[in-house]
C-alpha atoms as a PDB file:
ATOM      1  CA  MET A   1      32.238   4.378  15.784  1.00  0.00           C
ATOM      2  CA  ALA A   2      28.791   2.597  14.488  1.00  0.00           C
ATOM      3  CA  GLU A   3      28.530   0.144  11.727  1.00  0.00           C
ATOM      4  CA  PHE A   4      25.545  -0.442   9.515  1.00  0.00           C
ATOM      5  CA  GLU A   5      24.083  -3.550   8.262  1.00  0.00           C
ATOM      6  CA  LYS A   6      21.875  -3.666   5.394  1.00  0.00           C
ATOM      7  CA  ILE A   7      18.883  -5.930   5.928  1.00  0.00           C
ATOM      8  CA  GLU A   8      16.476  -4.670   3.313  1.00  0.00           C
ATOM      9  CA  SER A   9      15.970  -2.022   0.523  1.00  0.00           C
ATOM     10  CA  GLU A  10      13.909  -0.535  -2.256  1.00  0.00           C
ATOM     11  CA  VAL A  11      15.848   1.284  -4.982  1.00  0.00           C
ATOM     12  CA  ILE A  12      13.843   3.787  -7.863  1.00  0.00           C
ATOM     13  CA  GLU A  13      16.115   5.654 -10.424  1.00  0.00           C
ATOM     14  CA  PHE A  14      15.197   9.127 -11.721  1.00  0.00           C
ATOM     15  CA  GLY A  15      16.861  11.903 -14.027  1.00  0.00           C
ATOM     16  CA  GLU A  16      20.195  10.556 -14.960  1.00  0.00           C
ATOM     17  CA  GLY A  17      21.689   8.164 -13.473  1.00  0.00           C
ATOM     18  CA  GLU A  18      20.313   9.264  -9.990  1.00  0.00           C
ATOM     19  CA  PHE A  19      18.491   6.986  -7.455  1.00  0.00           C
ATOM     20  CA  LEU A  20      16.663   7.173  -4.079  1.00  0.00           C
ATOM     21  CA  GLU A  21      17.159   4.219  -1.974  1.00  0.00           C
ATOM     22  CA  ILE A  22      14.719   3.244   1.426  1.00  0.00           C
ATOM     23  CA  CYS A  23      16.336   0.687   3.163  1.00  0.00           C
ATOM     24  CA  ARG A  24      16.252  -0.677   6.955  1.00  0.00           C
ATOM     25  CA  LYS A  25      19.258  -1.380   8.585  1.00  0.00           C
ATOM     26  CA  ARG A  26      21.056  -2.501  11.959  1.00  0.00           C
ATOM     27  CA  LYS A  27      23.251   0.114  13.510  1.00  0.00           C
ATOM     28  CA  ILE A  28      25.913  -2.078  15.452  1.00  0.00           C
ATOM     29  CA  SER A  29      27.919   0.189  17.948  1.00  0.00           C
ATOM     30  CA  LYS A  30      29.487  -0.245  21.436  1.00  0.00           C
ATOM     31  CA  GLU A  31      26.370   0.482  23.411  1.00  0.00           C
ATOM     32  CA  GLY A  32      24.650  -2.195  21.492  1.00  0.00           C
ATOM     33  CA  GLU A  33      22.175  -3.119  18.483  1.00  0.00           C
ATOM     34  CA  GLU A  34      19.171  -0.917  16.880  1.00  0.00           C
ATOM     35  CA  GLU A  35      16.980  -0.916  13.931  1.00  0.00           C
ATOM     36  CA  VAL A  36      16.832   2.176  11.698  1.00  0.00           C
ATOM     37  CA  ILE A  37      15.284   3.236   8.554  1.00  0.00           C
ATOM     38  CA  ALA A  38      17.707   5.542   6.327  1.00  0.00           C
ATOM     39  CA  ILE A  39      16.436   7.531   2.794  1.00  0.00           C
ATOM     40  CA  GLU A  40      19.710   7.850   0.636  1.00  0.00           C
ATOM     41  CA  LYS A  41      20.227   9.622  -2.334  1.00  0.00           C
ATOM     42  CA  GLY A  42      22.681   9.095  -4.375  1.00  0.00           C
ATOM     43  CA  PHE A  43      23.949   8.494  -8.248  1.00  0.00           C
ATOM     44  CA  LEU A  44      25.572   5.385 -10.572  1.00  0.00           C
ATOM     45  CA  ASP A  45      29.194   5.814 -11.423  1.00  0.00           C
ATOM     46  CA  GLU A  46      30.482   5.296 -14.899  1.00  0.00           C
ATOM     47  CA  LYS A  47      30.779   1.374 -14.094  1.00  0.00           C
ATOM     48  CA  GLY A  48      27.328   1.452 -12.600  1.00  0.00           C
ATOM     49  CA  ASN A  49      27.913   0.969  -9.089  1.00  0.00           C
ATOM     50  CA  ARG A  50      26.180   2.962  -6.636  1.00  0.00           C
ATOM     51  CA  ARG A  51      27.983   5.985  -4.638  1.00  0.00           C
ATOM     52  CA  TYR A  52      25.947   7.629  -1.944  1.00  0.00           C
ATOM     53  CA  ARG A  53      25.613  11.467  -1.456  1.00  0.00           C
ATOM     54  CA  ASN A  54      23.118  12.227   1.272  1.00  0.00           C
ATOM     55  CA  ASN A  55      20.989   9.906   3.746  1.00  0.00           C
ATOM     56  CA  LEU A  56      18.647  10.322   6.743  1.00  0.00           C
ATOM     57  CA  SER A  57      18.437   7.464   9.303  1.00  0.00           C
ATOM     58  CA  ILE A  58      15.894   7.522  11.842  1.00  0.00           C
ATOM     59  CA  PRO A  59      15.005   4.926  14.607  1.00  0.00           C
ATOM     60  CA  GLU A  60      12.413   2.643  14.020  1.00  0.00           C
ATOM     61  CA  GLU A  61       9.726   3.858  15.943  1.00  0.00           C
ATOM     62  CA  ASP A  62       6.041   3.805  15.130  1.00  0.00           C
ATOM     63  CA  ARG A  63       5.374   7.349  15.987  1.00  0.00           C
ATOM     64  CA  LEU A  64       8.586   8.590  13.526  1.00  0.00           C
ATOM     65  CA  VAL A  65       7.633   6.155  10.905  1.00  0.00           C
ATOM     66  CA  ASP A  66       3.713   6.929  11.144  1.00  0.00           C
ATOM     67  CA  PHE A  67       4.795  10.972  11.450  1.00  0.00           C
ATOM     68  CA  LEU A  68       6.498  10.411   7.912  1.00  0.00           C
ATOM     69  CA  VAL A  69       4.250   8.268   6.102  1.00  0.00           C
ATOM     70  CA  GLU A  70       1.382  11.185   7.359  1.00  0.00           C
ATOM     71  CA  LYS A  71       3.293  14.022   6.635  1.00  0.00           C
ATOM     72  CA  LEU A  72       5.299  13.292   3.209  1.00  0.00           C
ATOM     73  CA  PRO A  73       1.806  13.140   0.779  1.00  0.00           C
ATOM     74  CA  GLU A  74       1.014  16.668   2.411  1.00  0.00           C
ATOM     75  CA  PHE A  75       4.228  18.054   0.608  1.00  0.00           C
ATOM     76  CA  LYS A  76       3.090  16.704  -3.074  1.00  0.00           C
ATOM     77  CA  ASP A  77       1.439  19.463  -5.083  1.00  0.00           C
END
């Protein structure tokens, strides 16, 4: 099973105690290490701790990152 080490992140809160986080992580497994970009959504519990619900991790490859940067604005009204 892989382990993840957070390298850097940016968080924005929205709604009632919800947040969206974009971060760079190092994935460590038997096969080796690789860096990924993760987009994670979650909420703050009653103590203010972040609890994660959903995430999407993609390999840190230029063509994948460029695709997201190019296409995401097209979905905005």
